[in-house]
Amino acid sequence: MQGGSLTERRKAATRLDIARTAAALFVEHGLRPTRAEDIARASGVAPRTFYRYFATKEEAIAPLLTAGARQWVEAVRDAPAGLSLPDALRHAAARALTPPPGDTAAAESLEWVRSLLRMATQSPALQSVWNDACHDSDVTLTGVLAARAGLPDGAGSLDIRLTAGVAGAAVRAAVETWAAGDAPAAGPQGPAALAQHCLTSAEGALKGV
């Protein structure tokens, strides 16, 4: 259930609409030729409205990357309680990083992420946006893991923070490795499969909580 006032939800929806438009323009035309004004016009908002939400054109994709990271964390939160932590993390990776059959929007979003991460290797500003999204995901995951461990006030625990950091790094490595290649999103070299592999490799560190 979404929280916040109606105004806040509308603002969030507008930010996400602009983010999707920015991603589409970056992928179609490239990062350098695309201006903030182009994104605003394609989004149906005035440039001053764009700058009310984002300081730069690169920051415009932040809501899209954050939403993707949130899906992974929410999948961890919703994983069956009876699963061990490593199994819960692998279960969540499979759910969050595998586009459902026939869901073209989800598959398209993953392809956008692939293209954007490739651009980020040549753009420090875009790389910073990705780094921030990953950091925010790790912070939120820390609270989720604390709650799963029955320690809702234990988000500051070293073991829980370490576990969240290791899990986040494993998934990030998987997504970035997939993005650098040409494998389809679904399959043995897709982001979900790579994330499960990375999480299994790091399983020793993930059993600390």
C-alpha atoms as a PDB file:
ATOM      1  CA  MET A   1       0.000   0.000   0.000  1.00  0.00           C
ATOM      2  CA  GLN A   2       1.376   3.382  -0.958  1.00  0.00           C
ATOM      3  CA  GLY A   3       1.768   5.935   1.797  1.00  0.00           C
ATOM      4  CA  GLY A   4       1.917   9.695   1.746  1.00  0.00           C
ATOM      5  CA  SER A   5      -0.602  12.306   0.720  1.00  0.00           C
ATOM      6  CA  LEU A   6      -2.288  12.431  -2.668  1.00  0.00           C
ATOM      7  CA  THR A   7      -0.017  15.326  -3.623  1.00  0.00           C
ATOM      8  CA  GLU A   8       3.090  13.347  -2.692  1.00  0.00           C
ATOM      9  CA  ARG A   9       1.902  10.343  -4.710  1.00  0.00           C
ATOM     10  CA  ARG A  10       1.231  12.579  -7.718  1.00  0.00           C
ATOM     11  CA  LYS A  11       4.695  14.081  -7.433  1.00  0.00           C
ATOM     12  CA  ALA A  12       6.208  10.606  -7.234  1.00  0.00           C
ATOM     13  CA  ALA A  13       4.218   9.538 -10.297  1.00  0.00           C
ATOM     14  CA  THR A  14       5.380  12.617 -12.207  1.00  0.00           C
ATOM     15  CA  ARG A  15       9.004  11.934 -11.253  1.00  0.00           C
ATOM     16  CA  LEU A  16       8.710   8.343 -12.474  1.00  0.00           C
ATOM     17  CA  ASP A  17       7.056   9.434 -15.744  1.00  0.00           C
ATOM     18  CA  ILE A  18       9.902  11.877 -16.378  1.00  0.00           C
ATOM     19  CA  ALA A  19      12.430   9.157 -15.498  1.00  0.00           C
ATOM     20  CA  ARG A  20      10.945   6.744 -18.022  1.00  0.00           C
ATOM     21  CA  THR A  21      10.919   9.430 -20.685  1.00  0.00           C
ATOM     22  CA  ALA A  22      14.545  10.322 -19.936  1.00  0.00           C
ATOM     23  CA  ALA A  23      15.608   6.681 -20.128  1.00  0.00           C
ATOM     24  CA  ALA A  24      13.828   6.219 -23.460  1.00  0.00           C
ATOM     25  CA  LEU A  25      15.476   9.341 -24.918  1.00  0.00           C
ATOM     26  CA  PHE A  26      18.923   8.381 -23.609  1.00  0.00           C
ATOM     27  CA  VAL A  27      18.601   4.917 -25.122  1.00  0.00           C
ATOM     28  CA  GLU A  28      17.267   6.214 -28.454  1.00  0.00           C
ATOM     29  CA  HIS A  29      19.461   9.271 -28.963  1.00  0.00           C
ATOM     30  CA  GLY A  30      22.358   8.871 -26.542  1.00  0.00           C
ATOM     31  CA  LEU A  31      23.187  10.712 -23.352  1.00  0.00           C
ATOM     32  CA  ARG A  32      25.209  13.606 -24.743  1.00  0.00           C
ATOM     33  CA  PRO A  33      22.752  14.875 -27.404  1.00  0.00           C
ATOM     34  CA  THR A  34      19.750  14.661 -25.072  1.00  0.00           C
ATOM     35  CA  ARG A  35      19.081  17.867 -23.134  1.00  0.00           C
ATOM     36  CA  ALA A  36      16.985  18.408 -20.032  1.00  0.00           C
ATOM     37  CA  GLU A  37      14.698  20.550 -22.172  1.00  0.00           C
ATOM     38  CA  ASP A  38      14.186  17.620 -24.554  1.00  0.00           C
ATOM     39  CA  ILE A  39      13.165  15.403 -21.653  1.00  0.00           C
ATOM     40  CA  ALA A  40      10.788  18.049 -20.318  1.00  0.00           C
ATOM     41  CA  ARG A  41       9.133  18.544 -23.706  1.00  0.00           C
ATOM     42  CA  ALA A  42       8.742  14.800 -24.303  1.00  0.00           C
ATOM     43  CA  SER A  43       7.314  14.416 -20.785  1.00  0.00           C
ATOM     44  CA  GLY A  44       4.755  17.154 -21.349  1.00  0.00           C
ATOM     45  CA  VAL A  45       6.093  19.427 -18.616  1.00  0.00           C
ATOM     46  CA  ALA A  46       7.753  22.825 -18.657  1.00  0.00           C
ATOM     47  CA  PRO A  47      11.541  23.009 -18.213  1.00  0.00           C
ATOM     48  CA  ARG A  48      11.053  24.817 -14.910  1.00  0.00           C
ATOM     49  CA  THR A  49       8.935  21.868 -13.734  1.00  0.00           C
ATOM     50  CA  PHE A  50      11.693  19.476 -14.752  1.00  0.00           C
ATOM     51  CA  TYR A  51      14.239  21.438 -12.728  1.00  0.00           C
ATOM     52  CA  ARG A  52      11.878  21.475  -9.767  1.00  0.00           C
ATOM     53  CA  TYR A  53      12.278  17.707  -9.624  1.00  0.00           C
ATOM     54  CA  PHE A  54      15.820  17.173 -10.916  1.00  0.00           C
ATOM     55  CA  ALA A  55      19.002  19.229 -10.882  1.00  0.00           C
ATOM     56  CA  THR A  56      20.480  17.571 -13.978  1.00  0.00           C
ATOM     57  CA  LYS A  57      19.371  15.415 -16.893  1.00  0.00           C
ATOM     58  CA  GLU A  58      21.334  12.468 -15.480  1.00  0.00           C
ATOM     59  CA  GLU A  59      19.465  12.645 -12.173  1.00  0.00           C
ATOM     60  CA  ALA A  60      16.205  12.263 -14.077  1.00  0.00           C
ATOM     61  CA  ILE A  61      16.668   8.479 -14.289  1.00  0.00           C
ATOM     62  CA  ALA A  62      17.149   8.112 -10.524  1.00  0.00           C
ATOM     63  CA  PRO A  63      13.490   7.182  -9.824  1.00  0.00           C
ATOM     64  CA  LEU A  64      13.676   4.404 -12.424  1.00  0.00           C
ATOM     65  CA  LEU A  65      16.813   2.868 -10.933  1.00  0.00           C
ATOM     66  CA  THR A  66      15.475   3.327  -7.410  1.00  0.00           C
ATOM     67  CA  ALA A  67      12.211   1.594  -8.330  1.00  0.00           C
ATOM     68  CA  GLY A  68      14.146  -1.375  -9.692  1.00  0.00           C
ATOM     69  CA  ALA A  69      16.263  -1.605  -6.555  1.00  0.00           C
ATOM     70  CA  ARG A  70      13.119  -1.341  -4.435  1.00  0.00           C
ATOM     71  CA  GLN A  71      11.623  -4.370  -6.203  1.00  0.00           C
ATOM     72  CA  TRP A  72      14.605  -6.465  -5.080  1.00  0.00           C
ATOM     73  CA  VAL A  73      14.352  -5.277  -1.472  1.00  0.00           C
ATOM     74  CA  GLU A  74      10.588  -5.780  -1.364  1.00  0.00           C
ATOM     75  CA  ALA A  75      11.047  -9.288  -2.746  1.00  0.00           C
ATOM     76  CA  VAL A  76      13.410  -9.996   0.167  1.00  0.00           C
ATOM     77  CA  ARG A  77      10.801  -8.628   2.583  1.00  0.00           C
ATOM     78  CA  ASP A  78       8.092 -10.834   1.048  1.00  0.00           C
ATOM     79  CA  ALA A  79      10.179 -14.020   0.829  1.00  0.00           C
ATOM     80  CA  PRO A  80       8.628 -16.950   2.765  1.00  0.00           C
ATOM     81  CA  ALA A  81       9.527 -16.743   6.452  1.00  0.00           C
ATOM     82  CA  GLY A  82      10.638 -20.370   6.560  1.00  0.00           C
ATOM     83  CA  LEU A  83      13.505 -19.828   4.140  1.00  0.00           C
ATOM     84  CA  SER A  84      17.044 -19.415   5.399  1.00  0.00           C
ATOM     85  CA  LEU A  85      18.516 -15.998   4.699  1.00  0.00           C
ATOM     86  CA  PRO A  86      20.665 -17.148   1.729  1.00  0.00           C
ATOM     87  CA  ASP A  87      17.647 -18.950   0.250  1.00  0.00           C
ATOM     88  CA  ALA A  88      15.427 -15.901   0.835  1.00  0.00           C
ATOM     89  CA  LEU A  89      17.914 -13.681  -0.978  1.00  0.00           C
ATOM     90  CA  ARG A  90      18.139 -16.067  -3.936  1.00  0.00           C
ATOM     91  CA  HIS A  91      14.349 -16.359  -4.021  1.00  0.00           C
ATOM     92  CA  ALA A  92      14.079 -12.565  -4.077  1.00  0.00           C
ATOM     93  CA  ALA A  93      16.643 -12.245  -6.869  1.00  0.00           C
ATOM     94  CA  ALA A  94      14.685 -14.690  -9.015  1.00  0.00           C
ATOM     95  CA  ARG A  95      11.453 -12.762  -8.456  1.00  0.00           C
ATOM     96  CA  ALA A  96      12.846  -9.263  -8.924  1.00  0.00           C
ATOM     97  CA  LEU A  97      15.232  -9.834 -11.825  1.00  0.00           C
ATOM     98  CA  THR A  98      13.283 -12.243 -14.035  1.00  0.00           C
ATOM     99  CA  PRO A  99      10.740 -10.569 -16.345  1.00  0.00           C
ATOM    100  CA  PRO A 100       7.432 -12.474 -16.160  1.00  0.00           C
ATOM    101  CA  PRO A 101       6.522 -14.308 -19.396  1.00  0.00           C
ATOM    102  CA  GLY A 102       4.673 -11.967 -21.706  1.00  0.00           C
ATOM    103  CA  ASP A 103       5.430  -8.873 -19.618  1.00  0.00           C
ATOM    104  CA  THR A 104       7.003  -6.724 -22.308  1.00  0.00           C
ATOM    105  CA  ALA A 105       7.147  -3.664 -20.043  1.00  0.00           C
ATOM    106  CA  ALA A 106       9.298  -5.488 -17.479  1.00  0.00           C
ATOM    107  CA  ALA A 107      11.589  -6.845 -20.187  1.00  0.00           C
ATOM    108  CA  GLU A 108      11.896  -3.381 -21.716  1.00  0.00           C
ATOM    109  CA  SER A 109      12.760  -1.864 -18.333  1.00  0.00           C
ATOM    110  CA  LEU A 110      15.611  -4.341 -17.889  1.00  0.00           C
ATOM    111  CA  GLU A 111      16.926  -3.535 -21.356  1.00  0.00           C
ATOM    112  CA  TRP A 112      16.807   0.166 -20.462  1.00  0.00           C
ATOM    113  CA  VAL A 113      18.840  -0.618 -17.347  1.00  0.00           C
ATOM    114  CA  ARG A 114      21.370  -2.490 -19.492  1.00  0.00           C
ATOM    115  CA  SER A 115      21.752   0.485 -21.832  1.00  0.00           C
ATOM    116  CA  LEU A 116      21.936   3.013 -18.996  1.00  0.00           C
ATOM    117  CA  LEU A 117      24.599   1.057 -17.117  1.00  0.00           C
ATOM    118  CA  ARG A 118      26.664   0.868 -20.283  1.00  0.00           C
ATOM    119  CA  MET A 119      26.363   4.652 -20.622  1.00  0.00           C
ATOM    120  CA  ALA A 120      27.348   5.053 -16.982  1.00  0.00           C
ATOM    121  CA  THR A 121      30.778   3.580 -17.679  1.00  0.00           C
ATOM    122  CA  GLN A 122      31.454   6.691 -19.782  1.00  0.00           C
ATOM    123  CA  SER A 123      29.563   9.221 -17.649  1.00  0.00           C
ATOM    124  CA  PRO A 124      30.635   9.990 -14.066  1.00  0.00           C
ATOM    125  CA  ALA A 125      27.339  11.822 -13.481  1.00  0.00           C
ATOM    126  CA  LEU A 126      25.287   8.814 -14.546  1.00  0.00           C
ATOM    127  CA  GLN A 127      27.556   6.495 -12.558  1.00  0.00           C
ATOM    128  CA  SER A 128      26.925   8.628  -9.476  1.00  0.00           C
ATOM    129  CA  VAL A 129      23.168   8.214  -9.899  1.00  0.00           C
ATOM    130  CA  TRP A 130      23.603   4.421 -10.085  1.00  0.00           C
ATOM    131  CA  ASN A 131      25.890   4.429  -7.030  1.00  0.00           C
ATOM    132  CA  ASP A 132      23.325   6.400  -5.036  1.00  0.00           C
ATOM    133  CA  ALA A 133      20.526   3.995  -6.019  1.00  0.00           C
ATOM    134  CA  CYS A 134      22.622   1.019  -4.896  1.00  0.00           C
ATOM    135  CA  HIS A 135      23.524   2.701  -1.610  1.00  0.00           C
ATOM    136  CA  ASP A 136      19.899   3.556  -0.850  1.00  0.00           C
ATOM    137  CA  SER A 137      18.936  -0.038  -1.622  1.00  0.00           C
ATOM    138  CA  ASP A 138      21.561  -1.349   0.807  1.00  0.00           C
ATOM    139  CA  VAL A 139      20.289   0.970   3.553  1.00  0.00           C
ATOM    140  CA  THR A 140      16.702  -0.198   3.063  1.00  0.00           C
ATOM    141  CA  LEU A 141      17.795  -3.839   2.859  1.00  0.00           C
ATOM    142  CA  THR A 142      19.520  -3.467   6.220  1.00  0.00           C
ATOM    143  CA  GLY A 143      16.187  -2.665   7.862  1.00  0.00           C
ATOM    144  CA  VAL A 144      14.466  -5.532   6.055  1.00  0.00           C
ATOM    145  CA  LEU A 145      17.100  -8.036   7.183  1.00  0.00           C
ATOM    146  CA  ALA A 146      16.895  -6.754  10.757  1.00  0.00           C
ATOM    147  CA  ALA A 147      13.130  -7.308  10.724  1.00  0.00           C
ATOM    148  CA  ARG A 148      13.515 -10.823   9.249  1.00  0.00           C
ATOM    149  CA  ALA A 149      15.992 -11.613  12.017  1.00  0.00           C
ATOM    150  CA  GLY A 150      13.466 -10.450  14.618  1.00  0.00           C
ATOM    151  CA  LEU A 151      15.576  -7.398  15.443  1.00  0.00           C
ATOM    152  CA  PRO A 152      13.525  -4.437  14.193  1.00  0.00           C
ATOM    153  CA  ASP A 153      15.793  -2.099  16.163  1.00  0.00           C
ATOM    154  CA  GLY A 154      18.940  -3.876  15.029  1.00  0.00           C
ATOM    155  CA  ALA A 155      19.526  -2.092  11.716  1.00  0.00           C
ATOM    156  CA  GLY A 156      22.704  -0.639  13.198  1.00  0.00           C
ATOM    157  CA  SER A 157      24.096  -4.093  13.966  1.00  0.00           C
ATOM    158  CA  LEU A 158      27.475  -4.676  12.318  1.00  0.00           C
ATOM    159  CA  ASP A 159      26.519  -8.204  11.232  1.00  0.00           C
ATOM    160  CA  ILE A 160      23.272  -7.037   9.640  1.00  0.00           C
ATOM    161  CA  ARG A 161      24.895  -4.090   7.893  1.00  0.00           C
ATOM    162  CA  LEU A 162      27.674  -6.345   6.620  1.00  0.00           C
ATOM    163  CA  THR A 163      25.181  -8.920   5.363  1.00  0.00           C
ATOM    164  CA  ALA A 164      23.141  -6.251   3.565  1.00  0.00           C
ATOM    165  CA  GLY A 165      26.306  -4.859   2.014  1.00  0.00           C
ATOM    166  CA  VAL A 166      27.478  -8.262   0.812  1.00  0.00           C
ATOM    167  CA  ALA A 167      24.055  -9.149  -0.605  1.00  0.00           C
ATOM    168  CA  GLY A 168      23.748  -5.771  -2.310  1.00  0.00           C
ATOM    169  CA  ALA A 169      27.238  -6.059  -3.783  1.00  0.00           C
ATOM    170  CA  ALA A 170      26.472  -9.565  -5.074  1.00  0.00           C
ATOM    171  CA  VAL A 171      23.331  -8.429  -6.867  1.00  0.00           C
ATOM    172  CA  ARG A 172      25.028  -5.297  -8.189  1.00  0.00           C
ATOM    173  CA  ALA A 173      27.915  -7.343  -9.593  1.00  0.00           C
ATOM    174  CA  ALA A 174      25.431  -9.649 -11.293  1.00  0.00           C
ATOM    175  CA  VAL A 175      23.401  -6.851 -12.863  1.00  0.00           C
ATOM    176  CA  GLU A 176      26.485  -4.966 -14.040  1.00  0.00           C
ATOM    177  CA  THR A 177      28.022  -8.140 -15.502  1.00  0.00           C
ATOM    178  CA  TRP A 178      24.805  -8.936 -17.344  1.00  0.00           C
ATOM    179  CA  ALA A 179      24.528  -5.350 -18.598  1.00  0.00           C
ATOM    180  CA  ALA A 180      28.028  -5.507 -20.056  1.00  0.00           C
ATOM    181  CA  GLY A 181      27.112  -8.508 -22.201  1.00  0.00           C
ATOM    182  CA  ASP A 182      24.395  -9.429 -24.659  1.00  0.00           C
ATOM    183  CA  ALA A 183      22.599 -12.309 -22.892  1.00  0.00           C
ATOM    184  CA  PRO A 184      18.795 -12.088 -22.703  1.00  0.00           C
ATOM    185  CA  ALA A 185      17.258 -11.155 -19.367  1.00  0.00           C
ATOM    186  CA  ALA A 186      15.703 -14.594 -18.998  1.00  0.00           C
ATOM    187  CA  GLY A 187      18.061 -17.552 -19.086  1.00  0.00           C
ATOM    188  CA  PRO A 188      21.239 -18.960 -17.560  1.00  0.00           C
ATOM    189  CA  GLN A 189      23.207 -15.752 -18.148  1.00  0.00           C
ATOM    190  CA  GLY A 190      20.405 -13.367 -17.200  1.00  0.00           C
ATOM    191  CA  PRO A 191      20.603 -11.032 -14.188  1.00  0.00           C
ATOM    192  CA  ALA A 192      18.534 -13.337 -11.961  1.00  0.00           C
ATOM    193  CA  ALA A 193      20.700 -16.384 -12.647  1.00  0.00           C
ATOM    194  CA  LEU A 194      23.907 -14.379 -12.197  1.00  0.00           C
ATOM    195  CA  ALA A 195      22.602 -12.859  -8.966  1.00  0.00           C
ATOM    196  CA  GLN A 196      21.752 -16.288  -7.569  1.00  0.00           C
ATOM    197  CA  HIS A 197      25.243 -17.475  -8.499  1.00  0.00           C
ATOM    198  CA  CYS A 198      26.868 -14.480  -6.777  1.00  0.00           C
ATOM    199  CA  LEU A 199      24.718 -14.905  -3.683  1.00  0.00           C
ATOM    200  CA  THR A 200      25.652 -18.580  -3.495  1.00  0.00           C
ATOM    201  CA  SER A 201      29.340 -17.692  -3.790  1.00  0.00           C
ATOM    202  CA  ALA A 202      28.924 -15.236  -0.898  1.00  0.00           C
ATOM    203  CA  GLU A 203      26.796 -17.592   1.193  1.00  0.00           C
ATOM    204  CA  GLY A 204      29.371 -17.891   3.968  1.00  0.00           C
ATOM    205  CA  ALA A 205      29.124 -14.181   4.689  1.00  0.00           C
ATOM    206  CA  LEU A 206      25.332 -14.200   4.389  1.00  0.00           C
ATOM    207  CA  LYS A 207      24.867 -16.709   7.214  1.00  0.00           C
ATOM    208  CA  GLY A 208      26.098 -14.255   9.826  1.00  0.00           C
ATOM    209  CA  VAL A 209      22.655 -12.874  10.689  1.00  0.00           C
END
